[in-house]
């Protein structure tokens, strides 16, 4: 039966194989601390995995989603003014 240790995030970055393969990455975020994580371990010669971007900020894509659902700019502004979004 295959098995492996289960690490917490601090233990993960100390793993010799993670260090050897250079899997630790930092994701930059504007006005917030960087995110320290591990990239996907498999890379292929012609299709390298892109460095992930930061997660969206709270409400960052509200207008895109609401527009796709049929809301116009006036209604979106109204929702913002009311603190709904």
C-alpha atoms as a PDB file:
ATOM      1  CA  UNK A   1       0.000   0.000   0.000  1.00  0.00           C
ATOM      2  CA  UNK A   2       1.567   3.338  -1.029  1.00  0.00           C
ATOM      3  CA  UNK A   3       1.906   5.860   1.753  1.00  0.00           C
ATOM      4  CA  UNK A   4       3.557   9.152   2.556  1.00  0.00           C
ATOM      5  CA  UNK A   5       3.837  11.427   5.581  1.00  0.00           C
ATOM      6  CA  UNK A   6       1.293  14.191   5.938  1.00  0.00           C
ATOM      7  CA  UNK A   7       3.054  17.501   6.485  1.00  0.00           C
ATOM      8  CA  UNK A   8       1.903  20.849   7.744  1.00  0.00           C
ATOM      9  CA  UNK A   9       3.049  23.816   5.628  1.00  0.00           C
ATOM     10  CA  UNK A  10       6.199  24.487   7.666  1.00  0.00           C
ATOM     11  CA  UNK A  11       7.292  20.842   7.460  1.00  0.00           C
ATOM     12  CA  UNK A  12       6.567  20.776   3.749  1.00  0.00           C
ATOM     13  CA  UNK A  13       9.194  23.411   2.933  1.00  0.00           C
ATOM     14  CA  UNK A  14      11.815  21.479   4.930  1.00  0.00           C
ATOM     15  CA  UNK A  15      11.295  18.250   2.952  1.00  0.00           C
ATOM     16  CA  UNK A  16      14.575  17.333   1.182  1.00  0.00           C
ATOM     17  CA  UNK A  17      12.792  16.375  -2.051  1.00  0.00           C
ATOM     18  CA  UNK A  18      10.894  19.680  -2.192  1.00  0.00           C
ATOM     19  CA  UNK A  19      14.203  21.508  -1.752  1.00  0.00           C
ATOM     20  CA  UNK A  20      16.036  19.287  -4.263  1.00  0.00           C
ATOM     21  CA  UNK A  21      13.397  19.792  -6.962  1.00  0.00           C
ATOM     22  CA  UNK A  22      13.093  23.549  -6.279  1.00  0.00           C
ATOM     23  CA  UNK A  23       9.322  23.309  -5.869  1.00  0.00           C
ATOM     24  CA  UNK A  24       8.865  26.179  -3.427  1.00  0.00           C
ATOM     25  CA  UNK A  25       7.468  29.313  -5.044  1.00  0.00           C
ATOM     26  CA  UNK A  26       6.212  32.668  -3.815  1.00  0.00           C
ATOM     27  CA  UNK A  27       3.188  34.334  -5.339  1.00  0.00           C
ATOM     28  CA  UNK A  28       3.414  38.131  -5.184  1.00  0.00           C
ATOM     29  CA  UNK A  29       0.316  40.071  -4.138  1.00  0.00           C
ATOM     30  CA  UNK A  30      -0.105  43.824  -4.195  1.00  0.00           C
ATOM     31  CA  UNK A  31      -0.479  45.399  -0.758  1.00  0.00           C
ATOM     32  CA  UNK A  32      -0.558  41.978   0.937  1.00  0.00           C
ATOM     33  CA  UNK A  33       2.005  39.422   2.107  1.00  0.00           C
ATOM     34  CA  UNK A  34       3.337  37.023  -0.511  1.00  0.00           C
ATOM     35  CA  UNK A  35       1.915  33.502  -0.615  1.00  0.00           C
ATOM     36  CA  UNK A  36       4.485  30.766  -0.043  1.00  0.00           C
ATOM     37  CA  UNK A  37       3.437  27.509  -1.723  1.00  0.00           C
ATOM     38  CA  UNK A  38       4.612  24.570  -3.817  1.00  0.00           C
ATOM     39  CA  UNK A  39       4.328  24.399  -7.592  1.00  0.00           C
ATOM     40  CA  UNK A  40       3.049  21.372  -9.482  1.00  0.00           C
ATOM     41  CA  UNK A  41       5.933  18.866  -9.590  1.00  0.00           C
ATOM     42  CA  UNK A  42       5.494  17.650 -13.184  1.00  0.00           C
ATOM     43  CA  UNK A  43       6.897  19.795 -15.972  1.00  0.00           C
ATOM     44  CA  UNK A  44       7.162  18.727 -19.561  1.00  0.00           C
ATOM     45  CA  UNK A  45       9.704  20.058 -22.039  1.00  0.00           C
ATOM     46  CA  UNK A  46       7.147  21.716 -24.324  1.00  0.00           C
ATOM     47  CA  UNK A  47       4.398  22.592 -21.859  1.00  0.00           C
ATOM     48  CA  UNK A  48       5.885  24.185 -18.761  1.00  0.00           C
ATOM     49  CA  UNK A  49       3.314  25.021 -16.138  1.00  0.00           C
ATOM     50  CA  UNK A  50       2.837  28.755 -15.741  1.00  0.00           C
ATOM     51  CA  UNK A  51       3.665  30.401 -12.458  1.00  0.00           C
ATOM     52  CA  UNK A  52       0.286  30.866 -10.788  1.00  0.00           C
ATOM     53  CA  UNK A  53      -1.004  34.367 -10.294  1.00  0.00           C
ATOM     54  CA  UNK A  54      -2.388  35.640  -7.027  1.00  0.00           C
ATOM     55  CA  UNK A  55      -5.921  34.757  -6.006  1.00  0.00           C
ATOM     56  CA  UNK A  56      -8.485  37.450  -6.766  1.00  0.00           C
ATOM     57  CA  UNK A  57      -9.186  40.068  -4.145  1.00  0.00           C
ATOM     58  CA  UNK A  58     -12.601  40.050  -2.529  1.00  0.00           C
ATOM     59  CA  UNK A  59     -15.100  41.257  -5.128  1.00  0.00           C
ATOM     60  CA  UNK A  60     -12.453  41.737  -7.831  1.00  0.00           C
ATOM     61  CA  UNK A  61     -14.555  40.031 -10.517  1.00  0.00           C
ATOM     62  CA  UNK A  62     -18.016  41.112  -9.369  1.00  0.00           C
ATOM     63  CA  UNK A  63     -18.665  43.339 -12.377  1.00  0.00           C
ATOM     64  CA  UNK A  64     -17.667  40.604 -14.852  1.00  0.00           C
ATOM     65  CA  UNK A  65     -19.968  38.029 -13.268  1.00  0.00           C
ATOM     66  CA  UNK A  66     -22.873  40.398 -12.781  1.00  0.00           C
ATOM     67  CA  UNK A  67     -22.593  41.688 -16.349  1.00  0.00           C
ATOM     68  CA  UNK A  68     -22.673  38.087 -17.603  1.00  0.00           C
ATOM     69  CA  UNK A  69     -25.848  37.597 -15.539  1.00  0.00           C
ATOM     70  CA  UNK A  70     -27.500  40.576 -17.237  1.00  0.00           C
ATOM     71  CA  UNK A  71     -26.894  43.416 -14.749  1.00  0.00           C
ATOM     72  CA  UNK A  72     -26.031  46.772 -16.301  1.00  0.00           C
ATOM     73  CA  UNK A  73     -23.494  49.283 -15.027  1.00  0.00           C
ATOM     74  CA  UNK A  74     -26.136  51.359 -13.271  1.00  0.00           C
ATOM     75  CA  UNK A  75     -27.472  48.385 -11.286  1.00  0.00           C
ATOM     76  CA  UNK A  76     -23.928  47.235 -10.379  1.00  0.00           C
ATOM     77  CA  UNK A  77     -23.098  50.756  -9.135  1.00  0.00           C
ATOM     78  CA  UNK A  78     -26.306  50.726  -7.093  1.00  0.00           C
ATOM     79  CA  UNK A  79     -25.334  47.407  -5.488  1.00  0.00           C
ATOM     80  CA  UNK A  80     -21.882  48.840  -4.665  1.00  0.00           C
ATOM     81  CA  UNK A  81     -23.396  51.968  -3.122  1.00  0.00           C
ATOM     82  CA  UNK A  82     -25.665  49.869  -0.923  1.00  0.00           C
ATOM     83  CA  UNK A  83     -22.723  47.721   0.219  1.00  0.00           C
ATOM     84  CA  UNK A  84     -24.211  44.574  -1.279  1.00  0.00           C
ATOM     85  CA  UNK A  85     -21.053  43.928  -3.277  1.00  0.00           C
END
